[in-house]
Amino acid sequence: MEENYIKLIFGLKLKQIRTDKDLSLFGLSKLSGLSKSYLNEIEKGKKYPKPDKIAILSEKLDVPYDHFVSLKLDKNLAPIGEILQSKILKEIPLELFGIKESNLIDIVANAPAKVNAFISTIIKIAQHYNVSRESFYLASVRSFQEANNNYFDNLEHSVLKFAKAYQLDLNKPISPKELEDILIEEYGYTINKNELNKHEALGNLRSVFVPKTKTLLLANHIDNAQRTFIYAKELAYNFLEFKDRLYTFSWIKFENFDQVLNNFYASYFAGALILPKTIITKQLADFFKKDTLDKSLFLKTMNGFNASPESFYQRLTNILPKDFNIQNLFFLRFTHEAGSQRFYLNKELHLSHQHSPHANENNEHYCRRWVSLNVLKNISENSKKHVFDAQVSYYPDDDVHYLVLSSATKDPFSTKRYRSISVGLLINKQLKRKIAFLDDKKIKTRNVGVTCERCSIADCKERKAPAIILERLSKNTLTEIVVGELTNRFSQIQ
C-alpha cells in the first residue's frame, strides 16, 4: 500500500477510538502527553507516529498495540478501508477530473462517517444494478469526454503531425493499404488475415494484437472501413507511445483504467485521422445552409470517407461542439435482433448535460416513436444495407425539441442483428441560427417519451407497456398534496 494510505488508515482508526471514548483532541493530548497539533496531523493522515508514540496511545486509550498498527478497520469504516487498499484510486487518473489525491485524502479524514456512508451507498447501488468494474471504468471515460465537450485538441494536433510525418493526404479518403504499409515498414508489424477465422470462439473479434512478435491478426470478413479503423488505432498506440493498451477489438478484458483510457485516445486519434475535421466542417456548413433537409447531401458527406456510419456520427460529437458551438447534443447506439421486440441502448454520450433520451431502469420499453428505433425496425424488416432518417422529437414532459439524425446498418458479425446510430441536437435559438432547414415541413415532428413506463402521452398506438412508473409517481404526488392539505387544516387553532 502507498505510505499515504497507511497514514490515513491509522489516523481514521485513532479518530474513531478517540471519539468512541468521548475524548476531544485537547483531552487526548492531556491524557497522552502528545501535543494537540501532532495528534491532529496524525488523524488527518499527514503523519505516522513512531513505535514509542503508538505504545503511549495504546496504553492511555487501552487499545492493543497490534490493533493500532493493523490495516483493518472496524465494520463501520470497512468500506473506506476496502477502497483505500484497492487499486481503484490509483488506476483512475484523478487529475483528469481536477482532483488532487491529497485533497481526496483530506476529505476522507475530515468526514469519515459521511464519506463511509457515501461509499457504502455507491457500492450498494452498484451491486443492485449489477454495475461491473468494466461499466465503472467506461462511465469514468464517458464523464471525462463530457467534461471536455468530447474534443481533445492535443489529439487533433497529433493527427496533423502524424499525417505530415508520413505524407498522408487528408484531402482524400485514406486507404487501409496506406496505413498497413506504415505499420509494416515503420513499426515492424506482421499482418495475418487468415488465422482468426479458423477459431469459432473468436467469431466476434475483428482483430487480435500479439505484442511479443508485433503480429496483428485480422478477421478476413471485415470491410475496408473496419480495416482502416483498426490500422489507424494501431498507429495511434505506436505514434502516441502508449504502453498500456488493449490487445483485442472488440476488447474482452483489461488490467487497469489506463488501458481503457488509452483505448479511447487511440479511437479518437483514428477517427480524427480517417475523418479530417477541416473537410467535415466545410461540408456540414454547406449542409446546414440548405433551406430544406437534404438527405442525399448528408449521406454523400458520410460516404465520402473510408469510415463506418458509427465512426462518422461519433466524429460529429467532436466537431459540432468545437466548430459550430453546438454544445447541447446526445449520441445513442442501439442494437436490435430482427423479429424481436427488444431494443438495447448500449452506448450513449450527453453534452453538455443529461438530455431527455437516456438509459433507463432494467426491463423498461424505450419509446417506439424514436427515430433511432424506427430505422432499426425498417432495416430489419426490409434487409436494406443502410437506412437513414431524421425527426424532430418533442418531449412534452420536459418541453424540449431535438433534431435527431439516425442511421441503421447491419451488424457485420450477426445475420439477424442490426444497430442504429443517432445524434440529437437540442433545438434552441442558437441552433436555429446555425441550421437553416429546421422549419422544413418535410421533417417529421413527433411527441415522444423516454420509456412507455414513464410516458404521459395518452392513446399512444405504439405503446408496449402501461405507464406504471408515471402512475406511481402521480399517486405519490397526490398523497403528498392530501397530506399537506390535512396538515394545514389541522394546524389551525380552533
Protein backbone atom coordinates (compact mmCIF):
# COMPACT_ATOMS: atom_id res chain seq x y z
CA MET A 1 0.00 0.00 0.00
CA GLU A 2 1.01 3.60 -0.51
CA GLU A 3 2.50 5.29 2.55
CA ASN A 4 -0.21 7.97 2.44
CA TYR A 5 -2.95 5.37 2.69
CA ILE A 6 -1.26 3.66 5.67
CA LYS A 7 -1.10 7.03 7.43
CA LEU A 8 -4.73 7.71 6.63
CA ILE A 9 -5.96 4.35 7.93
CA PHE A 10 -4.05 4.87 11.20
CA GLY A 11 -5.50 8.37 11.51
CA LEU A 12 -9.04 7.15 10.87
CA LYS A 13 -8.60 4.45 13.48
CA LEU A 14 -7.22 6.87 16.08
CA LYS A 15 -10.03 9.36 15.50
CA GLN A 16 -12.66 6.63 15.77
CA ILE A 17 -11.21 5.32 19.05
CA ARG A 18 -10.92 8.84 20.49
CA THR A 19 -14.48 9.80 19.63
CA ASP A 20 -15.81 6.44 20.89
CA LYS A 21 -14.24 7.32 24.26
CA ASP A 22 -15.75 10.83 24.18
CA LEU A 23 -12.35 12.48 24.14
CA SER A 24 -11.54 15.77 22.45
CA LEU A 25 -8.16 16.31 20.83
CA PHE A 26 -7.31 18.53 23.78
CA GLY A 27 -8.35 15.74 26.17
CA LEU A 28 -6.28 13.12 24.34
CA SER A 29 -3.34 15.49 24.38
CA LYS A 30 -3.56 15.84 28.18
CA LEU A 31 -4.01 12.09 28.60
CA SER A 32 -1.12 11.05 26.37
CA GLY A 33 1.30 13.94 26.77
CA LEU A 34 1.43 14.32 22.97
CA SER A 35 0.74 17.75 21.52
CA LYS A 36 -2.71 18.54 20.18
CA SER A 37 -1.28 19.70 16.82
CA TYR A 38 0.72 16.45 16.49
CA LEU A 39 -2.37 14.34 17.19
CA ASN A 40 -4.36 16.41 14.69
CA GLU A 41 -1.75 15.75 12.00
CA ILE A 42 -1.97 12.01 12.73
CA GLU A 43 -5.74 11.96 12.48
CA LYS A 44 -5.65 13.80 9.16
CA GLY A 45 -3.32 11.16 7.76
CA LYS A 46 -0.39 13.52 7.43
CA LYS A 47 1.90 11.88 9.98
CA TYR A 48 2.51 8.31 11.16
CA PRO A 49 3.69 8.07 14.80
CA LYS A 50 6.86 6.27 15.79
CA PRO A 51 6.54 2.98 17.73
CA ASP A 52 7.10 4.64 21.13
CA LYS A 53 4.28 7.12 20.43
CA ILE A 54 1.97 4.28 19.30
CA ALA A 55 2.81 2.47 22.55
CA ILE A 56 1.78 5.56 24.58
CA LEU A 57 -1.54 5.86 22.70
CA SER A 58 -2.14 2.12 23.10
CA GLU A 59 -1.63 2.30 26.86
CA LYS A 60 -3.59 5.51 27.51
CA LEU A 61 -6.54 4.52 25.31
CA ASP A 62 -6.48 0.90 26.48
CA VAL A 63 -6.30 -0.45 22.95
CA PRO A 64 -3.94 -3.29 21.90
CA TYR A 65 -0.85 -2.12 20.03
CA ASP A 66 -1.49 -4.67 17.27
CA HIS A 67 -4.96 -3.21 16.69
CA PHE A 68 -3.44 0.22 16.09
CA VAL A 69 -0.92 -0.95 13.52
CA SER A 70 -3.30 -3.34 11.75
CA LEU A 71 -4.58 -2.17 8.37
CA LYS A 72 -8.06 -3.49 9.18
CA LEU A 73 -10.77 -1.00 10.03
CA ASP A 74 -13.84 -1.64 12.17
CA LYS A 75 -17.03 -2.63 10.38
CA ASN A 76 -18.48 0.88 10.09
CA LEU A 77 -15.33 2.13 8.33
CA ALA A 78 -14.58 -1.08 6.43
CA PRO A 79 -15.80 0.20 3.02
CA ILE A 80 -13.31 3.09 3.23
CA GLY A 81 -10.56 0.60 4.03
CA GLU A 82 -11.53 -1.54 1.06
CA ILE A 83 -11.43 1.46 -1.26
CA LEU A 84 -8.09 2.68 0.12
CA GLN A 85 -6.49 -0.78 -0.07
CA SER A 86 -7.79 -1.45 -3.57
CA LYS A 87 -6.15 -0.10 -6.72
CA ILE A 88 -9.17 1.93 -7.80
CA LEU A 89 -7.86 5.31 -6.65
CA LYS A 90 -4.51 4.63 -8.29
CA GLU A 91 -5.98 3.27 -11.51
CA ILE A 92 -8.26 6.24 -12.17
CA PRO A 93 -6.20 9.32 -13.05
CA LEU A 94 -7.95 11.72 -10.69
CA GLU A 95 -6.07 14.66 -12.19
CA LEU A 96 -8.18 14.23 -15.35
CA PHE A 97 -11.13 15.46 -13.30
CA GLY A 98 -9.19 18.21 -11.50
CA ILE A 99 -8.92 16.21 -8.27
CA LYS A 100 -5.69 16.06 -6.29
CA GLU A 101 -5.11 12.86 -4.38
CA SER A 102 -4.09 14.83 -1.28
CA ASN A 103 -7.43 16.67 -1.36
CA LEU A 104 -9.30 13.38 -1.56
CA ILE A 105 -7.46 12.08 1.48
CA ASP A 106 -8.29 15.27 3.40
CA ILE A 107 -11.98 14.82 2.58
CA VAL A 108 -11.95 11.25 3.87
CA ALA A 109 -10.04 12.21 7.01
CA ASN A 110 -12.22 15.20 7.87
CA ALA A 111 -15.57 13.44 7.48
CA PRO A 112 -15.01 9.68 7.61
CA ALA A 113 -18.57 8.80 8.66
CA LYS A 114 -20.15 10.78 5.81
CA VAL A 115 -17.65 9.52 3.25
CA ASN A 116 -18.19 5.99 4.50
CA ALA A 117 -21.96 6.36 4.10
CA PHE A 118 -21.45 7.72 0.58
CA ILE A 119 -19.10 4.92 -0.44
CA SER A 120 -21.41 2.29 1.06
CA THR A 121 -24.32 3.76 -0.90
CA ILE A 122 -22.35 3.69 -4.16
CA ILE A 123 -21.35 0.06 -3.54
CA LYS A 124 -24.95 -0.97 -2.80
CA ILE A 125 -26.23 0.82 -5.92
CA ALA A 126 -23.52 -0.85 -8.00
CA GLN A 127 -24.46 -4.27 -6.58
CA HIS A 128 -28.19 -3.66 -7.04
CA TYR A 129 -27.82 -2.68 -10.68
CA ASN A 130 -25.05 -5.21 -11.30
CA VAL A 131 -22.52 -2.49 -12.18
CA SER A 132 -19.27 -4.17 -13.18
CA ARG A 133 -15.73 -2.83 -12.93
CA GLU A 134 -15.87 -2.51 -16.73
CA SER A 135 -19.03 -0.39 -16.54
CA PHE A 136 -17.47 1.80 -13.86
CA TYR A 137 -14.38 2.48 -15.96
CA LEU A 138 -16.41 3.15 -19.09
CA ALA A 139 -18.62 5.56 -17.16
CA SER A 140 -15.48 7.34 -15.95
CA VAL A 141 -14.18 7.73 -19.50
CA ARG A 142 -17.59 8.94 -20.66
CA SER A 143 -17.65 11.54 -17.87
CA PHE A 144 -14.16 12.63 -18.95
CA GLN A 145 -15.40 13.04 -22.54
CA GLU A 146 -18.42 15.03 -21.42
CA ALA A 147 -16.33 17.27 -19.15
CA ASN A 148 -14.19 18.19 -22.18
CA ASN A 149 -17.10 18.53 -24.66
CA ASN A 150 -15.65 15.42 -26.29
CA TYR A 151 -12.96 17.47 -28.02
CA PHE A 152 -9.23 16.96 -27.41
CA ASP A 153 -7.03 19.50 -29.14
CA ASN A 154 -3.79 17.65 -28.36
CA LEU A 155 -5.03 14.57 -30.22
CA GLU A 156 -6.21 16.67 -33.16
CA HIS A 157 -2.72 18.20 -33.43
CA SER A 158 -1.10 14.76 -33.09
CA VAL A 159 -3.11 13.58 -36.09
CA LEU A 160 -1.91 16.52 -38.19
CA LYS A 161 1.66 15.89 -37.06
CA PHE A 162 1.33 12.19 -37.96
CA ALA A 163 -0.13 12.95 -41.39
CA LYS A 164 2.73 15.34 -42.15
CA ALA A 165 5.39 12.89 -40.94
CA TYR A 166 4.06 10.10 -43.16
CA GLN A 167 2.91 12.29 -46.04
CA LEU A 168 -0.75 11.29 -45.88
CA ASP A 169 -3.12 13.42 -47.95
CA LEU A 170 -6.05 14.18 -45.64
CA ASN A 171 -7.99 15.76 -48.51
CA LYS A 172 -8.88 12.35 -49.92
CA PRO A 173 -10.11 9.13 -48.32
CA ILE A 174 -7.36 7.20 -46.57
CA SER A 175 -6.94 3.63 -47.80
CA PRO A 176 -6.14 0.70 -45.50
CA LYS A 177 -3.14 -0.10 -47.72
CA GLU A 178 -1.53 3.27 -46.87
CA LEU A 179 -1.82 2.60 -43.13
CA GLU A 180 -0.82 -1.05 -43.44
CA ASP A 181 2.43 -0.03 -45.17
CA ILE A 182 3.30 2.31 -42.28
CA LEU A 183 2.61 -0.39 -39.70
CA ILE A 184 4.85 -2.85 -41.54
CA GLU A 185 7.66 -0.55 -42.64
CA GLU A 186 7.84 1.82 -39.68
CA TYR A 187 6.71 -0.27 -36.73
CA GLY A 188 7.68 -3.79 -37.80
CA TYR A 189 4.20 -5.31 -37.82
CA THR A 190 3.26 -8.62 -39.36
CA ILE A 191 -0.32 -8.71 -40.66
CA ASN A 192 -2.12 -12.07 -40.61
CA LYS A 193 -5.56 -12.11 -42.32
CA ASN A 194 -6.32 -15.83 -42.13
CA GLU A 195 -5.78 -17.18 -38.61
CA LEU A 196 -8.68 -15.59 -36.68
CA ASN A 197 -11.39 -17.15 -38.82
CA LYS A 198 -10.09 -20.63 -38.06
CA HIS A 199 -11.34 -20.27 -34.46
CA GLU A 200 -15.11 -20.30 -33.98
CA ALA A 201 -14.80 -18.92 -30.45
CA LEU A 202 -13.26 -15.71 -31.85
CA GLY A 203 -16.12 -15.01 -34.25
CA ASN A 204 -16.98 -11.68 -32.62
CA LEU A 205 -13.43 -10.33 -32.73
CA ARG A 206 -12.17 -8.16 -35.54
CA SER A 207 -8.52 -8.16 -34.50
CA VAL A 208 -6.01 -9.51 -32.00
CA PHE A 209 -2.56 -7.96 -31.47
CA VAL A 210 0.32 -10.16 -30.23
CA PRO A 211 2.87 -7.72 -28.74
CA LYS A 212 5.85 -10.10 -28.49
CA THR A 213 6.06 -10.60 -32.26
CA LYS A 214 4.08 -7.48 -33.26
CA THR A 215 1.63 -9.68 -35.12
CA LEU A 216 -1.81 -8.26 -35.93
CA LEU A 217 -4.40 -10.96 -36.56
CA LEU A 218 -7.36 -9.71 -38.60
CA ALA A 219 -10.75 -11.27 -39.28
CA ASN A 220 -10.95 -11.82 -43.04
CA HIS A 221 -14.60 -10.75 -43.36
CA ILE A 222 -14.16 -7.15 -42.17
CA ASP A 223 -14.69 -4.43 -44.74
CA ASN A 224 -12.32 -1.64 -45.82
CA ALA A 225 -13.72 0.86 -43.31
CA GLN A 226 -13.25 -1.54 -40.39
CA ARG A 227 -9.76 -2.48 -41.52
CA THR A 228 -8.80 1.18 -41.90
CA PHE A 229 -10.03 1.98 -38.39
CA ILE A 230 -8.14 -0.96 -36.85
CA TYR A 231 -4.92 0.07 -38.59
CA ALA A 232 -5.42 3.70 -37.51
CA LYS A 233 -5.86 2.62 -33.87
CA GLU A 234 -2.68 0.53 -34.01
CA LEU A 235 -0.80 3.51 -35.43
CA ALA A 236 -2.21 5.69 -32.64
CA TYR A 237 -0.91 3.33 -29.96
CA ASN A 238 2.55 3.47 -31.52
CA PHE A 239 2.70 7.13 -32.51
CA LEU A 240 1.35 8.31 -29.14
CA GLU A 241 3.70 5.81 -27.40
CA PHE A 242 1.04 4.14 -25.27
CA LYS A 243 2.44 1.09 -23.49
CA ASP A 244 -0.72 0.29 -21.53
CA ARG A 245 -3.20 -0.84 -24.16
CA LEU A 246 -5.89 -3.35 -25.07
CA TYR A 247 -4.99 -6.17 -27.43
CA THR A 248 -8.32 -7.19 -28.94
CA PHE A 249 -11.01 -5.37 -30.89
CA SER A 250 -13.66 -5.53 -29.69
CA TRP A 251 -11.97 -5.70 -26.30
CA ILE A 252 -12.67 -8.59 -23.95
CA LYS A 253 -10.63 -7.80 -20.84
CA PHE A 254 -8.45 -5.12 -19.28
CA GLU A 255 -5.93 -4.89 -16.47
CA ASN A 256 -6.29 -1.26 -15.40
CA PHE A 257 -8.03 2.03 -16.12
CA ASP A 258 -5.16 3.38 -18.24
CA GLN A 259 -5.83 0.67 -20.81
CA VAL A 260 -9.45 1.76 -21.10
CA LEU A 261 -8.49 5.44 -21.30
CA ASN A 262 -5.76 4.82 -23.87
CA ASN A 263 -8.21 2.77 -25.92
CA PHE A 264 -10.44 5.85 -26.04
CA TYR A 265 -7.49 8.09 -27.00
CA ALA A 266 -6.46 5.67 -29.78
CA SER A 267 -10.04 5.51 -31.07
CA TYR A 268 -10.30 9.30 -31.05
CA PHE A 269 -6.98 9.56 -32.96
CA ALA A 270 -8.22 7.01 -35.51
CA GLY A 271 -11.48 8.87 -36.03
CA ALA A 272 -9.70 12.20 -36.43
CA LEU A 273 -7.28 10.69 -38.95
CA ILE A 274 -9.90 8.98 -41.09
CA LEU A 275 -12.45 11.81 -40.81
CA PRO A 276 -10.45 15.08 -41.02
CA LYS A 277 -12.05 17.96 -39.15
CA THR A 278 -11.48 20.66 -41.77
CA ILE A 279 -13.23 18.70 -44.52
CA ILE A 280 -16.23 17.66 -42.45
CA THR A 281 -16.63 21.16 -41.04
CA LYS A 282 -16.87 22.65 -44.52
CA GLN A 283 -19.31 20.01 -45.76
CA LEU A 284 -21.51 20.29 -42.65
CA ALA A 285 -21.62 24.08 -43.08
CA ASP A 286 -22.95 23.54 -46.63
CA PHE A 287 -25.48 21.01 -45.33
CA PHE A 288 -26.72 23.38 -42.58
CA LYS A 289 -27.18 26.27 -45.05
CA LYS A 290 -29.83 24.42 -47.03
CA ASP A 291 -33.42 25.62 -46.60
CA THR A 292 -34.66 22.03 -46.68
CA LEU A 293 -33.23 18.84 -45.21
CA ASP A 294 -31.04 17.42 -47.97
CA LYS A 295 -30.70 13.76 -47.00
CA SER A 296 -28.68 12.94 -50.10
CA LEU A 297 -26.10 15.61 -49.22
CA PHE A 298 -25.79 14.29 -45.68
CA LEU A 299 -25.30 10.73 -46.94
CA LYS A 300 -22.83 11.93 -49.56
CA THR A 301 -20.82 13.61 -46.79
CA MET A 302 -20.94 10.47 -44.66
CA ASN A 303 -19.97 8.17 -47.54
CA GLY A 304 -17.12 10.42 -48.64
CA PHE A 305 -14.78 8.84 -46.11
CA ASN A 306 -13.45 5.35 -45.62
CA ALA A 307 -15.36 5.09 -42.34
CA SER A 308 -18.42 3.39 -40.90
CA PRO A 309 -21.59 5.39 -40.13
CA GLU A 310 -20.87 4.92 -36.42
CA SER A 311 -17.42 6.48 -36.76
CA PHE A 312 -18.94 9.37 -38.71
CA TYR A 313 -21.62 10.07 -36.09
CA GLN A 314 -19.06 9.84 -33.29
CA ARG A 315 -16.87 12.31 -35.15
CA LEU A 316 -19.82 14.71 -35.28
CA THR A 317 -19.81 14.77 -31.47
CA ASN A 318 -16.22 16.10 -31.64
CA ILE A 319 -16.78 18.65 -34.39
CA LEU A 320 -20.24 20.12 -33.67
CA PRO A 321 -19.37 21.48 -30.19
CA LYS A 322 -15.98 22.78 -31.28
CA ASP A 323 -16.51 24.23 -34.78
CA PHE A 324 -20.22 25.06 -34.68
CA ASN A 325 -20.58 25.82 -30.97
CA ILE A 326 -23.47 23.33 -30.78
CA GLN A 327 -22.90 22.31 -27.19
CA ASN A 328 -26.16 20.54 -26.38
CA LEU A 329 -26.32 17.17 -28.09
CA PHE A 330 -26.53 13.46 -27.44
CA PHE A 331 -25.22 10.31 -29.14
CA LEU A 332 -27.04 6.96 -28.94
CA ARG A 333 -26.25 3.47 -30.23
CA PHE A 334 -29.00 0.85 -30.23
CA THR A 335 -28.86 -2.82 -31.18
CA HIS A 336 -31.82 -4.93 -32.24
CA GLU A 337 -32.37 -8.51 -33.37
CA ALA A 338 -34.77 -8.99 -36.26
CA GLY A 339 -38.09 -10.45 -35.17
CA SER A 340 -37.66 -9.48 -31.51
CA GLN A 341 -39.46 -6.74 -29.61
CA ARG A 342 -36.39 -5.61 -27.65
CA PHE A 343 -34.07 -2.69 -28.36
CA TYR A 344 -30.86 -2.29 -26.37
CA LEU A 345 -29.17 1.05 -25.73
CA ASN A 346 -25.53 0.07 -25.27
CA LYS A 347 -23.72 3.36 -25.83
CA GLU A 348 -24.61 6.98 -25.11
CA LEU A 349 -22.95 10.35 -24.69
CA HIS A 350 -24.51 13.60 -23.46
CA LEU A 351 -23.14 17.13 -23.99
CA SER A 352 -23.40 19.46 -22.08
CA HIS A 353 -25.98 17.95 -19.73
CA GLN A 354 -28.15 14.86 -19.39
CA HIS A 355 -30.70 15.00 -22.20
CA SER A 356 -34.20 13.54 -22.32
CA PRO A 357 -33.39 10.32 -24.25
CA HIS A 358 -31.13 8.30 -21.94
CA ALA A 359 -30.60 4.89 -20.38
CA ASN A 360 -33.39 3.71 -18.11
CA GLU A 361 -34.20 1.13 -15.46
CA ASN A 362 -33.82 -2.52 -16.45
CA ASN A 363 -36.66 -4.09 -18.43
CA GLU A 364 -38.38 -0.86 -19.48
CA HIS A 365 -39.54 -0.25 -23.03
CA TYR A 366 -37.92 2.60 -24.96
CA CYS A 367 -40.32 4.88 -26.80
CA ARG A 368 -41.24 3.30 -30.15
CA ARG A 369 -41.68 6.78 -31.61
CA TRP A 370 -37.93 7.43 -31.54
CA VAL A 371 -36.37 7.63 -35.00
CA SER A 372 -33.50 5.53 -33.59
CA LEU A 373 -35.87 2.59 -33.20
CA ASN A 374 -37.84 3.23 -36.38
CA VAL A 375 -34.79 2.98 -38.62
CA LEU A 376 -33.90 -0.30 -36.89
CA LYS A 377 -37.38 -1.65 -37.48
CA ASN A 378 -37.20 -0.55 -41.11
CA ILE A 379 -33.84 -2.14 -41.87
CA SER A 380 -34.61 -5.41 -40.07
CA GLU A 381 -37.88 -5.85 -41.97
CA ASN A 382 -36.57 -4.84 -45.40
CA SER A 383 -32.98 -6.14 -45.31
CA LYS A 384 -31.52 -2.90 -46.61
CA LYS A 385 -27.84 -2.03 -46.36
CA HIS A 386 -28.32 1.41 -44.77
CA VAL A 387 -31.42 3.26 -43.60
CA PHE A 388 -31.24 6.97 -42.78
CA ASP A 389 -33.94 9.23 -41.41
CA ALA A 390 -34.40 12.45 -39.46
CA GLN A 391 -37.01 13.55 -36.98
CA VAL A 392 -37.86 16.41 -34.65
CA SER A 393 -38.62 14.78 -31.31
CA TYR A 394 -40.71 16.73 -28.83
CA TYR A 395 -40.70 15.67 -25.17
CA PRO A 396 -43.91 17.16 -23.67
CA ASP A 397 -42.89 16.46 -20.07
CA ASP A 398 -39.65 18.42 -20.48
CA ASP A 399 -40.94 20.85 -23.16
CA VAL A 400 -37.86 20.38 -25.35
CA HIS A 401 -37.37 19.66 -29.06
CA TYR A 402 -34.45 17.79 -30.66
CA LEU A 403 -33.39 17.42 -34.26
CA VAL A 404 -32.36 13.76 -34.45
CA LEU A 405 -30.34 12.27 -37.32
CA SER A 406 -30.21 8.48 -37.34
CA SER A 407 -28.67 5.69 -39.42
CA ALA A 408 -29.22 1.94 -39.17
CA THR A 409 -26.83 -0.66 -40.55
CA LYS A 410 -26.43 -4.41 -40.36
CA ASP A 411 -24.21 -5.87 -37.66
CA PRO A 412 -21.28 -7.39 -39.62
CA PHE A 413 -20.96 -10.24 -37.11
CA SER A 414 -24.57 -11.43 -37.00
CA THR A 415 -27.02 -12.33 -39.74
CA LYS A 416 -30.05 -11.15 -37.75
CA ARG A 417 -28.70 -8.26 -35.68
CA TYR A 418 -28.74 -4.56 -36.56
CA ARG A 419 -27.55 -1.33 -34.98
CA SER A 420 -28.62 2.28 -35.18
CA ILE A 421 -26.53 5.36 -34.52
CA SER A 422 -28.15 8.70 -33.70
CA VAL A 423 -27.12 12.24 -32.94
CA GLY A 424 -29.69 14.58 -31.40
CA LEU A 425 -29.31 18.36 -31.31
CA LEU A 426 -31.28 20.44 -28.81
CA ILE A 427 -33.38 22.94 -30.74
CA ASN A 428 -32.93 26.40 -29.24
CA LYS A 429 -32.33 29.90 -30.54
CA GLN A 430 -28.67 29.17 -31.14
CA LEU A 431 -29.36 26.05 -33.21
CA LYS A 432 -31.96 27.92 -35.26
CA ARG A 433 -29.25 30.41 -36.20
CA LYS A 434 -26.92 27.58 -37.21
CA ILE A 435 -29.28 25.33 -39.19
CA ALA A 436 -31.50 26.82 -41.91
CA PHE A 437 -33.69 23.79 -42.56
CA LEU A 438 -35.15 23.40 -39.06
CA ASP A 439 -38.51 24.74 -40.30
CA ASP A 440 -38.65 22.25 -43.17
CA LYS A 441 -42.20 20.82 -43.05
CA LYS A 442 -41.00 17.55 -44.55
CA ILE A 443 -39.17 16.69 -41.33
CA LYS A 444 -41.49 14.60 -39.17
CA THR A 445 -42.25 16.06 -35.73
CA ARG A 446 -43.40 13.54 -33.13
CA ASN A 447 -44.34 13.71 -29.49
CA VAL A 448 -42.15 11.20 -27.70
CA GLY A 449 -41.35 9.91 -24.23
CA VAL A 450 -38.35 8.11 -22.78
CA THR A 451 -39.95 4.76 -21.94
CA CYS A 452 -43.53 3.52 -22.05
CA GLU A 453 -43.46 3.02 -18.29
CA ARG A 454 -42.77 6.74 -17.77
CA CYS A 455 -44.70 8.24 -20.68
CA SER A 456 -47.67 10.60 -20.24
CA ILE A 457 -48.77 10.58 -23.88
CA ALA A 458 -52.39 9.43 -23.98
CA ASP A 459 -53.78 6.99 -26.60
CA CYS A 460 -50.32 6.08 -27.92
CA LYS A 461 -50.75 3.35 -30.55
CA GLU A 462 -47.08 2.39 -30.28
CA ARG A 463 -47.21 1.84 -26.50
CA LYS A 464 -45.74 -1.50 -25.44
CA ALA A 465 -46.35 -1.25 -21.68
CA PRO A 466 -48.60 0.75 -19.30
CA ALA A 467 -47.20 3.88 -17.65
CA ILE A 468 -46.77 2.16 -14.28
CA ILE A 469 -43.81 4.29 -13.13
CA LEU A 470 -45.63 7.51 -14.03
CA GLU A 471 -48.81 6.29 -12.31
CA ARG A 472 -46.83 5.51 -9.17
CA LEU A 473 -45.25 8.97 -9.17
CA SER A 474 -48.65 10.60 -9.71
CA LYS A 475 -50.12 8.62 -6.82
CA ASN A 476 -47.26 9.70 -4.55
CA THR A 477 -47.74 13.33 -5.59
CA LEU A 478 -51.46 13.14 -4.86
CA THR A 479 -50.71 11.62 -1.46
CA GLU A 480 -48.33 14.47 -0.66
CA ILE A 481 -50.95 17.06 -1.65
CA VAL A 482 -53.64 15.49 0.52
CA VAL A 483 -51.26 15.17 3.47
CA GLY A 484 -50.32 18.83 3.02
CA GLU A 485 -53.95 19.89 2.98
CA LEU A 486 -54.71 17.87 6.13
CA THR A 487 -51.65 19.31 7.86
CA ASN A 488 -52.76 22.86 7.08
CA ARG A 489 -56.34 22.14 8.12
CA PHE A 490 -55.49 20.62 11.49
CA SER A 491 -52.78 23.19 12.18
CA GLN A 492 -55.48 25.83 12.65
CA ILE A 493 -56.15 26.67 16.27
CA GLN A 494 -59.82 26.03 16.99
